[in-house]
C-alpha atoms as a PDB file:
ATOM      1  CA  MET A   1     108.487 104.870  93.154  1.00  0.00           C
ATOM      2  CA  LYS A   2     108.591 102.725  96.273  1.00  0.00           C
ATOM      3  CA  ILE A   3     105.821 100.157  96.005  1.00  0.00           C
ATOM      4  CA  SER A   4     104.429  98.177  98.931  1.00  0.00           C
ATOM      5  CA  VAL A   5     102.295  95.133  98.107  1.00  0.00           C
ATOM      6  CA  ILE A   6      99.503  94.215 100.533  1.00  0.00           C
ATOM      7  CA  ILE A   7      98.141  90.642 100.579  1.00  0.00           C
ATOM      8  CA  PRO A   8      95.308  89.612 102.922  1.00  0.00           C
ATOM      9  CA  CYS A   9      95.648  85.881 103.499  1.00  0.00           C
ATOM     10  CA  TYR A  10      93.054  83.531 104.946  1.00  0.00           C
ATOM     11  CA  ASN A  11      93.422  79.725 104.560  1.00  0.00           C
ATOM     12  CA  SER A  12      95.303  80.127 101.292  1.00  0.00           C
ATOM     13  CA  GLU A  13      97.785  77.267 101.568  1.00  0.00           C
ATOM     14  CA  GLN A  14      96.936  75.958  98.086  1.00  0.00           C
ATOM     15  CA  ASN A  15      97.784  79.182  96.264  1.00  0.00           C
ATOM     16  CA  ILE A  16      99.845  81.511  98.415  1.00  0.00           C
ATOM     17  CA  ILE A  17     103.294  80.389  97.224  1.00  0.00           C
ATOM     18  CA  ARG A  18     102.328  80.842  93.555  1.00  0.00           C
ATOM     19  CA  VAL A  19     101.007  84.284  94.474  1.00  0.00           C
ATOM     20  CA  LEU A  20     104.289  85.236  96.160  1.00  0.00           C
ATOM     21  CA  LEU A  21     106.348  83.883  93.266  1.00  0.00           C
ATOM     22  CA  SER A  22     104.388  86.094  90.863  1.00  0.00           C
ATOM     23  CA  ILE A  23     105.498  89.118  92.915  1.00  0.00           C
ATOM     24  CA  PHE A  24     109.117  88.168  93.398  1.00  0.00           C
ATOM     25  CA  SER A  25     109.396  87.277  89.690  1.00  0.00           C
ATOM     26  CA  GLN A  26     108.468  90.807  88.596  1.00  0.00           C
ATOM     27  CA  THR A  27     110.673  92.435  85.964  1.00  0.00           C
ATOM     28  CA  LEU A  28     110.674  95.497  88.234  1.00  0.00           C
ATOM     29  CA  ALA A  29     111.137  94.700  91.901  1.00  0.00           C
ATOM     30  CA  VAL A  30     108.788  96.103  94.532  1.00  0.00           C
ATOM     31  CA  HIS A  31     110.016  97.725  97.726  1.00  0.00           C
ATOM     32  CA  GLU A  32     108.272  95.302 100.081  1.00  0.00           C
ATOM     33  CA  VAL A  33     105.565  92.664 100.376  1.00  0.00           C
ATOM     34  CA  ILE A  34     103.303  92.646 103.415  1.00  0.00           C
ATOM     35  CA  VAL A  35     101.204  89.540 104.030  1.00  0.00           C
ATOM     36  CA  ILE A  36      98.535  89.856 106.709  1.00  0.00           C
ATOM     37  CA  ASP A  37      97.491  86.397 107.872  1.00  0.00           C
ATOM     38  CA  ASP A  38      93.865  86.973 108.827  1.00  0.00           C
ATOM     39  CA  GLY A  39      93.500  84.194 111.411  1.00  0.00           C
ATOM     40  CA  SER A  40      94.193  81.273 109.059  1.00  0.00           C
ATOM     41  CA  THR A  41      93.546  77.803 110.447  1.00  0.00           C
ATOM     42  CA  ASP A  42      95.505  75.949 107.761  1.00  0.00           C
ATOM     43  CA  GLN A  43      99.261  75.944 107.017  1.00  0.00           C
ATOM     44  CA  SER A  44      99.322  79.312 105.211  1.00  0.00           C
ATOM     45  CA  TYR A  45     101.405  81.116 107.832  1.00  0.00           C
ATOM     46  CA  GLN A  46     104.016  78.373 108.075  1.00  0.00           C
ATOM     47  CA  LEU A  47     104.284  78.022 104.296  1.00  0.00           C
ATOM     48  CA  ILE A  48     104.927  81.747 103.916  1.00  0.00           C
ATOM     49  CA  LEU A  49     107.447  81.715 106.745  1.00  0.00           C
ATOM     50  CA  ASN A  50     109.276  78.764 105.141  1.00  0.00           C
ATOM     51  CA  PHE A  51     109.262  80.528 101.774  1.00  0.00           C
ATOM     52  CA  LYS A  52     110.743  83.667 103.340  1.00  0.00           C
ATOM     53  CA  GLU A  53     113.498  81.722 105.131  1.00  0.00           C
ATOM     54  CA  GLN A  54     114.343  79.368 102.248  1.00  0.00           C
ATOM     55  CA  HIS A  55     114.773  82.216  99.792  1.00  0.00           C
ATOM     56  CA  ASN A  56     116.311  84.596 102.352  1.00  0.00           C
ATOM     57  CA  ILE A  57     113.813  87.322 101.502  1.00  0.00           C
ATOM     58  CA  THR A  58     114.319  90.404 103.635  1.00  0.00           C
ATOM     59  CA  ASN A  59     111.534  92.572 102.212  1.00  0.00           C
ATOM     60  CA  LEU A  60     108.701  90.154 103.016  1.00  0.00           C
ATOM     61  CA  LYS A  61     106.765  91.033 106.154  1.00  0.00           C
ATOM     62  CA  LEU A  62     104.440  88.394 107.618  1.00  0.00           C
ATOM     63  CA  VAL A  63     101.972  89.534 110.264  1.00  0.00           C
ATOM     64  CA  LYS A  64      99.269  87.597 112.098  1.00  0.00           C
ATOM     65  CA  GLN A  65      95.961  89.056 113.192  1.00  0.00           C
ATOM     66  CA  THR A  66      92.697  87.703 114.561  1.00  0.00           C
ATOM     67  CA  ASN A  67      90.255  86.993 111.743  1.00  0.00           C
ATOM     68  CA  ALA A  68      88.566  90.278 110.840  1.00  0.00           C
ATOM     69  CA  GLY A  69      88.106  90.110 107.065  1.00  0.00           C
ATOM     70  CA  PRO A  70      90.067  91.359 104.040  1.00  0.00           C
ATOM     71  CA  ALA A  71      89.221  95.045 104.555  1.00  0.00           C
ATOM     72  CA  SER A  72      90.726  95.002 108.034  1.00  0.00           C
ATOM     73  CA  ALA A  73      93.745  93.021 106.794  1.00  0.00           C
ATOM     74  CA  ARG A  74      94.403  95.483 103.971  1.00  0.00           C
ATOM     75  CA  ASN A  75      94.065  98.446 106.355  1.00  0.00           C
ATOM     76  CA  HIS A  76      96.523  96.771 108.729  1.00  0.00           C
ATOM     77  CA  GLY A  77      98.984  96.237 105.902  1.00  0.00           C
ATOM     78  CA  ILE A  78      98.721  99.862 104.765  1.00  0.00           C
ATOM     79  CA  THR A  79      99.603 101.115 108.264  1.00  0.00           C
ATOM     80  CA  LEU A  80     102.818  99.060 108.085  1.00  0.00           C
ATOM     81  CA  ALA A  81     103.721 100.038 104.522  1.00  0.00           C
ATOM     82  CA  GLU A  82     106.881 102.053 103.892  1.00  0.00           C
ATOM     83  CA  GLY A  83     106.221 102.651 100.194  1.00  0.00           C
ATOM     84  CA  ASP A  84     104.709 105.757  98.666  1.00  0.00           C
ATOM     85  CA  TRP A  85     102.544 103.583  96.375  1.00  0.00           C
ATOM     86  CA  ILE A  86     100.342 100.671  97.422  1.00  0.00           C
ATOM     87  CA  ALA A  87      99.517  97.616  95.319  1.00  0.00           C
ATOM     88  CA  PHE A  88      96.938  95.041  96.364  1.00  0.00           C
ATOM     89  CA  LEU A  89      96.882  91.351  95.535  1.00  0.00           C
ATOM     90  CA  ASP A  90      94.364  88.767  96.673  1.00  0.00           C
ATOM     91  CA  SER A  91      95.790  85.481  97.892  1.00  0.00           C
ATOM     92  CA  ASP A  92      94.473  83.483  94.932  1.00  0.00           C
ATOM     93  CA  ASP A  93      95.277  85.839  92.042  1.00  0.00           C
ATOM     94  CA  ILE A  94      98.507  85.895  90.040  1.00  0.00           C
ATOM     95  CA  TRP A  95     100.331  88.894  88.583  1.00  0.00           C
ATOM     96  CA  ASP A  96     101.786  88.951  85.098  1.00  0.00           C
ATOM     97  CA  THR A  97     105.577  89.172  85.447  1.00  0.00           C
ATOM     98  CA  SER A  98     105.675  92.703  83.961  1.00  0.00           C
ATOM     99  CA  LYS A  99     102.654  94.067  85.853  1.00  0.00           C
ATOM    100  CA  ILE A 100     104.528  96.545  88.040  1.00  0.00           C
ATOM    101  CA  GLU A 101     106.912  97.649  85.278  1.00  0.00           C
ATOM    102  CA  ILE A 102     104.011  98.393  82.916  1.00  0.00           C
ATOM    103  CA  GLN A 103     102.042 100.321  85.517  1.00  0.00           C
ATOM    104  CA  GLN A 104     105.045 102.364  86.611  1.00  0.00           C
ATOM    105  CA  LYS A 105     105.784 103.263  82.980  1.00  0.00           C
ATOM    106  CA  TYR A 106     102.294 104.712  82.437  1.00  0.00           C
ATOM    107  CA  LEU A 107     102.174 106.421  85.815  1.00  0.00           C
ATOM    108  CA  LEU A 108     105.451 108.206  85.084  1.00  0.00           C
ATOM    109  CA  GLN A 109     104.052 109.289  81.718  1.00  0.00           C
ATOM    110  CA  ASN A 110     100.815 110.461  83.375  1.00  0.00           C
ATOM    111  CA  PRO A 111     101.800 111.934  86.760  1.00  0.00           C
ATOM    112  CA  HIS A 112      98.294 113.306  87.372  1.00  0.00           C
ATOM    113  CA  ILE A 113      96.920 109.761  87.736  1.00  0.00           C
ATOM    114  CA  ILE A 114      97.001 108.486  91.292  1.00  0.00           C
ATOM    115  CA  LEU A 115      95.064 105.216  90.914  1.00  0.00           C
ATOM    116  CA  LEU A 116      95.713 102.794  88.063  1.00  0.00           C
ATOM    117  CA  GLY A 117      94.069  99.424  87.434  1.00  0.00           C
ATOM    118  CA  GLU A 118      93.374  96.984  84.626  1.00  0.00           C
ATOM    119  CA  SER A 119      90.433  96.805  82.255  1.00  0.00           C
ATOM    120  CA  LEU A 120      88.702  93.456  82.739  1.00  0.00           C
ATOM    121  CA  LYS A 121      87.390  93.411  79.176  1.00  0.00           C
ATOM    122  CA  LYS A 122      90.216  94.013  76.729  1.00  0.00           C
ATOM    123  CA  ASN A 123      89.523  95.885  73.496  1.00  0.00           C
ATOM    124  CA  LYS A 124      92.177  95.712  70.783  1.00  0.00           C
ATOM    125  CA  THR A 125      90.945  98.932  69.211  1.00  0.00           C
ATOM    126  CA  ALA A 126      90.771 100.930  72.457  1.00  0.00           C
ATOM    127  CA  GLN A 127      93.514 103.224  73.680  1.00  0.00           C
ATOM    128  CA  ILE A 128      95.987 101.626  76.060  1.00  0.00           C
ATOM    129  CA  ILE A 129      95.212 103.927  78.972  1.00  0.00           C
ATOM    130  CA  GLN A 130      91.682 105.119  79.689  1.00  0.00           C
ATOM    131  CA  THR A 131      90.761 107.727  82.279  1.00  0.00           C
ATOM    132  CA  ILE A 132      87.777 106.768  84.442  1.00  0.00           C
ATOM    133  CA  SER A 133      85.660 109.663  85.658  1.00  0.00           C
ATOM    134  CA  PHE A 134      83.661 109.676  88.869  1.00  0.00           C
ATOM    135  CA  ASN A 135      80.422 109.632  86.859  1.00  0.00           C
ATOM    136  CA  GLN A 136      81.591 106.567  84.929  1.00  0.00           C
ATOM    137  CA  LEU A 137      82.524 104.834  88.156  1.00  0.00           C
ATOM    138  CA  LEU A 138      79.063 105.477  89.604  1.00  0.00           C
ATOM    139  CA  LEU A 139      77.625 103.320  86.826  1.00  0.00           C
ATOM    140  CA  LYS A 140      80.160 100.511  87.040  1.00  0.00           C
ATOM    141  CA  ASN A 141      83.121  99.448  89.169  1.00  0.00           C
ATOM    142  CA  TYR A 142      86.035  99.489  86.722  1.00  0.00           C
ATOM    143  CA  PHE A 143      88.716  98.714  89.302  1.00  0.00           C
ATOM    144  CA  ILE A 144      89.634  95.161  90.280  1.00  0.00           C
ATOM    145  CA  THR A 145      91.487  95.188  93.588  1.00  0.00           C
ATOM    146  CA  SER A 146      94.325  92.854  92.564  1.00  0.00           C
ATOM    147  CA  SER A 147      95.185  95.159  89.662  1.00  0.00           C
ATOM    148  CA  VAL A 148      95.140  98.456  91.550  1.00  0.00           C
ATOM    149  CA  LEU A 149      98.210 100.589  92.197  1.00  0.00           C
ATOM    150  CA  VAL A 150      97.411 103.716  94.237  1.00  0.00           C
ATOM    151  CA  ARG A 151      99.367 106.551  95.810  1.00  0.00           C
ATOM    152  CA  LYS A 152      99.454 106.061  99.557  1.00  0.00           C
ATOM    153  CA  ASP A 153      99.259 109.690 100.672  1.00  0.00           C
ATOM    154  CA  ILE A 154      95.776 110.230  99.207  1.00  0.00           C
ATOM    155  CA  LEU A 155      94.163 107.267 100.946  1.00  0.00           C
ATOM    156  CA  PRO A 156      91.501 108.148 103.540  1.00  0.00           C
ATOM    157  CA  ASN A 157      91.776 106.902 107.106  1.00  0.00           C
ATOM    158  CA  PRO A 158      90.774 104.132 107.297  1.00  0.00           C
ATOM    159  CA  PRO A 159      91.082 103.293 103.591  1.00  0.00           C
ATOM    160  CA  PHE A 160      88.689 100.319 103.459  1.00  0.00           C
ATOM    161  CA  ASP A 161      85.407 100.299 105.364  1.00  0.00           C
ATOM    162  CA  PHE A 162      85.898  97.257 107.617  1.00  0.00           C
ATOM    163  CA  ASN A 163      82.206  97.321 108.546  1.00  0.00           C
ATOM    164  CA  LYS A 164      81.360  96.263 104.988  1.00  0.00           C
ATOM    165  CA  LYS A 165      81.818  92.687 103.747  1.00  0.00           C
ATOM    166  CA  TYR A 166      80.771  93.394 100.178  1.00  0.00           C
ATOM    167  CA  SER A 167      81.794  96.233  97.846  1.00  0.00           C
ATOM    168  CA  GLU A 168      84.099  97.895 100.381  1.00  0.00           C
ATOM    169  CA  ASP A 169      86.766  98.232  97.681  1.00  0.00           C
ATOM    170  CA  TYR A 170      84.294  99.904  95.312  1.00  0.00           C
ATOM    171  CA  LYS A 171      83.465 102.417  98.045  1.00  0.00           C
ATOM    172  CA  LEU A 172      87.146 103.324  98.347  1.00  0.00           C
ATOM    173  CA  TRP A 173      87.571 103.755  94.578  1.00  0.00           C
ATOM    174  CA  LEU A 174      84.531 106.056  94.519  1.00  0.00           C
ATOM    175  CA  GLU A 175      85.980 108.122  97.355  1.00  0.00           C
ATOM    176  CA  ILE A 176      89.315 108.472  95.546  1.00  0.00           C
ATOM    177  CA  CYS A 177      87.879 109.032  92.078  1.00  0.00           C
ATOM    178  CA  HIS A 178      85.650 111.853  93.293  1.00  0.00           C
ATOM    179  CA  GLN A 179      88.725 113.962  94.029  1.00  0.00           C
ATOM    180  CA  HIS A 180      91.535 112.525  91.896  1.00  0.00           C
ATOM    181  CA  SER A 181      92.382 111.267  88.401  1.00  0.00           C
ATOM    182  CA  CYS A 182      92.073 107.499  87.972  1.00  0.00           C
ATOM    183  CA  ALA A 183      92.611 105.226  84.983  1.00  0.00           C
ATOM    184  CA  ILE A 184      92.682 101.654  83.700  1.00  0.00           C
ATOM    185  CA  LEU A 185      95.068  99.966  81.275  1.00  0.00           C
ATOM    186  CA  ASN A 186      93.874  97.927  78.334  1.00  0.00           C
ATOM    187  CA  ILE A 187      96.704  95.452  78.983  1.00  0.00           C
ATOM    188  CA  PRO A 188      96.557  92.051  80.742  1.00  0.00           C
ATOM    189  CA  LEU A 189      98.076  92.452  84.197  1.00  0.00           C
ATOM    190  CA  VAL A 190      96.483  89.811  86.425  1.00  0.00           C
ATOM    191  CA  LYS A 191      95.301  86.221  86.150  1.00  0.00           C
ATOM    192  CA  TYR A 192      92.221  86.008  88.337  1.00  0.00           C
ATOM    193  CA  SER A 193      91.242  82.906  90.259  1.00  0.00           C
ATOM    194  CA  GLN A 194      88.145  81.103  89.045  1.00  0.00           C
ATOM    195  CA  ASN A 195      87.223  80.658  92.698  1.00  0.00           C
ATOM    196  CA  SER A 196      87.137  84.373  93.504  1.00  0.00           C
ATOM    197  CA  ASN A 197      83.576  85.404  94.302  1.00  0.00           C
ATOM    198  CA  ASN A 198      82.393  82.212  92.659  1.00  0.00           C
ATOM    199  CA  LEU A 199      78.652  82.518  92.103  1.00  0.00           C
ATOM    200  CA  ASN A 200      78.119  79.231  90.300  1.00  0.00           C
ATOM    201  CA  ASN A 201      76.605  77.498  93.270  1.00  0.00           C
ATOM    202  CA  SER A 202      73.108  76.420  94.164  1.00  0.00           C
ATOM    203  CA  PRO A 203      70.333  78.843  93.123  1.00  0.00           C
ATOM    204  CA  GLN A 204      69.660  79.728  96.749  1.00  0.00           C
ATOM    205  CA  ASN A 205      73.314  80.488  97.519  1.00  0.00           C
ATOM    206  CA  LEU A 206      73.658  82.281  94.193  1.00  0.00           C
ATOM    207  CA  SER A 207      70.737  84.563  94.947  1.00  0.00           C
ATOM    208  CA  SER A 208      72.033  85.268  98.453  1.00  0.00           C
ATOM    209  CA  LYS A 209      75.529  86.258  97.269  1.00  0.00           C
ATOM    210  CA  LEU A 210      74.286  88.399  94.425  1.00  0.00           C
ATOM    211  CA  TRP A 211      71.919  90.246  96.734  1.00  0.00           C
ATOM    212  CA  LYS A 212      74.673  90.893  99.297  1.00  0.00           C
ATOM    213  CA  MET A 213      76.833  92.326  96.531  1.00  0.00           C
ATOM    214  CA  GLU A 214      73.933  94.460  95.334  1.00  0.00           C
ATOM    215  CA  LYS A 215      73.240  95.739  98.850  1.00  0.00           C
ATOM    216  CA  GLY A 216      76.892  96.731  99.115  1.00  0.00           C
ATOM    217  CA  GLU A 217      76.645  98.703  95.882  1.00  0.00           C
ATOM    218  CA  LEU A 218      73.416 100.414  96.962  1.00  0.00           C
ATOM    219  CA  GLU A 219      75.028 101.365 100.277  1.00  0.00           C
ATOM    220  CA  ASN A 220      77.906 102.946  98.335  1.00  0.00           C
ATOM    221  CA  LEU A 221      75.484 105.046  96.308  1.00  0.00           C
ATOM    222  CA  ARG A 222      73.731 106.169  99.475  1.00  0.00           C
ATOM    223  CA  TYR A 223      77.133 107.069 100.948  1.00  0.00           C
ATOM    224  CA  CYS A 224      77.887 109.227  97.893  1.00  0.00           C
ATOM    225  CA  TYR A 225      74.552 111.008  98.372  1.00  0.00           C
ATOM    226  CA  GLN A 226      75.179 111.538 102.096  1.00  0.00           C
ATOM    227  CA  LYS A 227      78.614 112.991 101.294  1.00  0.00           C
ATOM    228  CA  ARG A 228      76.915 115.226  98.688  1.00  0.00           C
ATOM    229  CA  TYR A 229      78.966 113.785  95.869  1.00  0.00           C
ATOM    230  CA  ILE A 230      75.661 113.310  94.039  1.00  0.00           C
ATOM    231  CA  ASN A 231      72.259 114.945  94.407  1.00  0.00           C
ATOM    232  CA  PHE A 232      69.026 113.255  95.469  1.00  0.00           C
ATOM    233  CA  PHE A 233      67.732 112.797  91.925  1.00  0.00           C
ATOM    234  CA  ASP A 234      70.990 111.178  90.775  1.00  0.00           C
ATOM    235  CA  TRP A 235      70.973 108.902  93.825  1.00  0.00           C
ATOM    236  CA  ILE A 236      67.520 107.572  92.989  1.00  0.00           C
ATOM    237  CA  ILE A 237      68.284 107.116  89.278  1.00  0.00           C
ATOM    238  CA  LEU A 238      71.599 105.383  89.982  1.00  0.00           C
ATOM    239  CA  SER A 239      69.989 103.107  92.582  1.00  0.00           C
ATOM    240  CA  VAL A 240      67.284 102.062  90.120  1.00  0.00           C
ATOM    241  CA  PHE A 241      69.933 101.461  87.460  1.00  0.00           C
ATOM    242  CA  SER A 242      71.923  99.338  89.917  1.00  0.00           C
ATOM    243  CA  LEU A 243      68.846  97.246  90.753  1.00  0.00           C
ATOM    244  CA  VAL A 244      68.158  96.698  87.051  1.00  0.00           C
ATOM    245  CA  LYS A 245      71.739  95.459  86.608  1.00  0.00           C
ATOM    246  CA  TYR A 246      71.263  93.152  89.585  1.00  0.00           C
ATOM    247  CA  LEU A 247      68.070  91.647  88.179  1.00  0.00           C
ATOM    248  CA  ARG A 248      69.696  91.146  84.789  1.00  0.00           C
ATOM    249  CA  ARG A 249      72.711  89.465  86.401  1.00  0.00           C
ATOM    250  CA  LEU A 250      70.450  87.234  88.466  1.00  0.00           C
ATOM    251  CA  ILE A 251      68.385  86.157  85.450  1.00  0.00           C
ATOM    252  CA  LEU A 252      71.474  85.440  83.368  1.00  0.00           C
ATOM    253  CA  LYS A 253      72.987  83.319  86.129  1.00  0.00           C
ATOM    254  CA  TYR A 254      69.833  81.283  86.541  1.00  0.00           C
ATOM    255  CA  ILE A 255      69.399  80.521  82.834  1.00  0.00           C
ATOM    256  CA  LYS A 256      73.006  79.415  82.301  1.00  0.00           C
END
């Protein structure tokens, strides 16, 4: 397996070196790391360049682009990737040192799986690897982008919908899962930043962010209906279910 790691980077000077170290400290080396600097205005680009030169790293590609968002940055990185598998990592998340080795082990044991992520909620009694069906994914997004390892040749073109600012990754997982076998591991693989999608802000900002996320999810369900992945009745039921989840999430956030 040749694995290319894609990192969208925007004003990440506080974390980006720790992120890179978590990749280059892997027990199983990746083929290449591609960092797309998405129009950063801080010292991110220079820090990465210094890191590359100081450690004489030849398989680290650093590319600048005008700010266009993480979806565009990831798509850009995928077009440059030489690997036959793609891993994603956000610029404030950290991989466990054995993340790639563990995922490769289970992918080799289960060659029918083409997308593998991590279960966010670990269950000691659950099986280590759990297949996620398309119907399960319609009810809940099981795949966290920084944990995903996916086969490159099955990705649509473009992979991520750059017109979406929320839930564009979920849309891609739905597209893949409708046609292919996907799974999650009940093993810790990633340490997620507490600042990622932080919703613990003012009530007004909280409500705004939650609603934008909900709109993104509803758009994904409509997309599945338009593509005839689901019928009209399922679309309505799933949309209502999604709105109920949104209201519950909103209430729980407000009463905390």
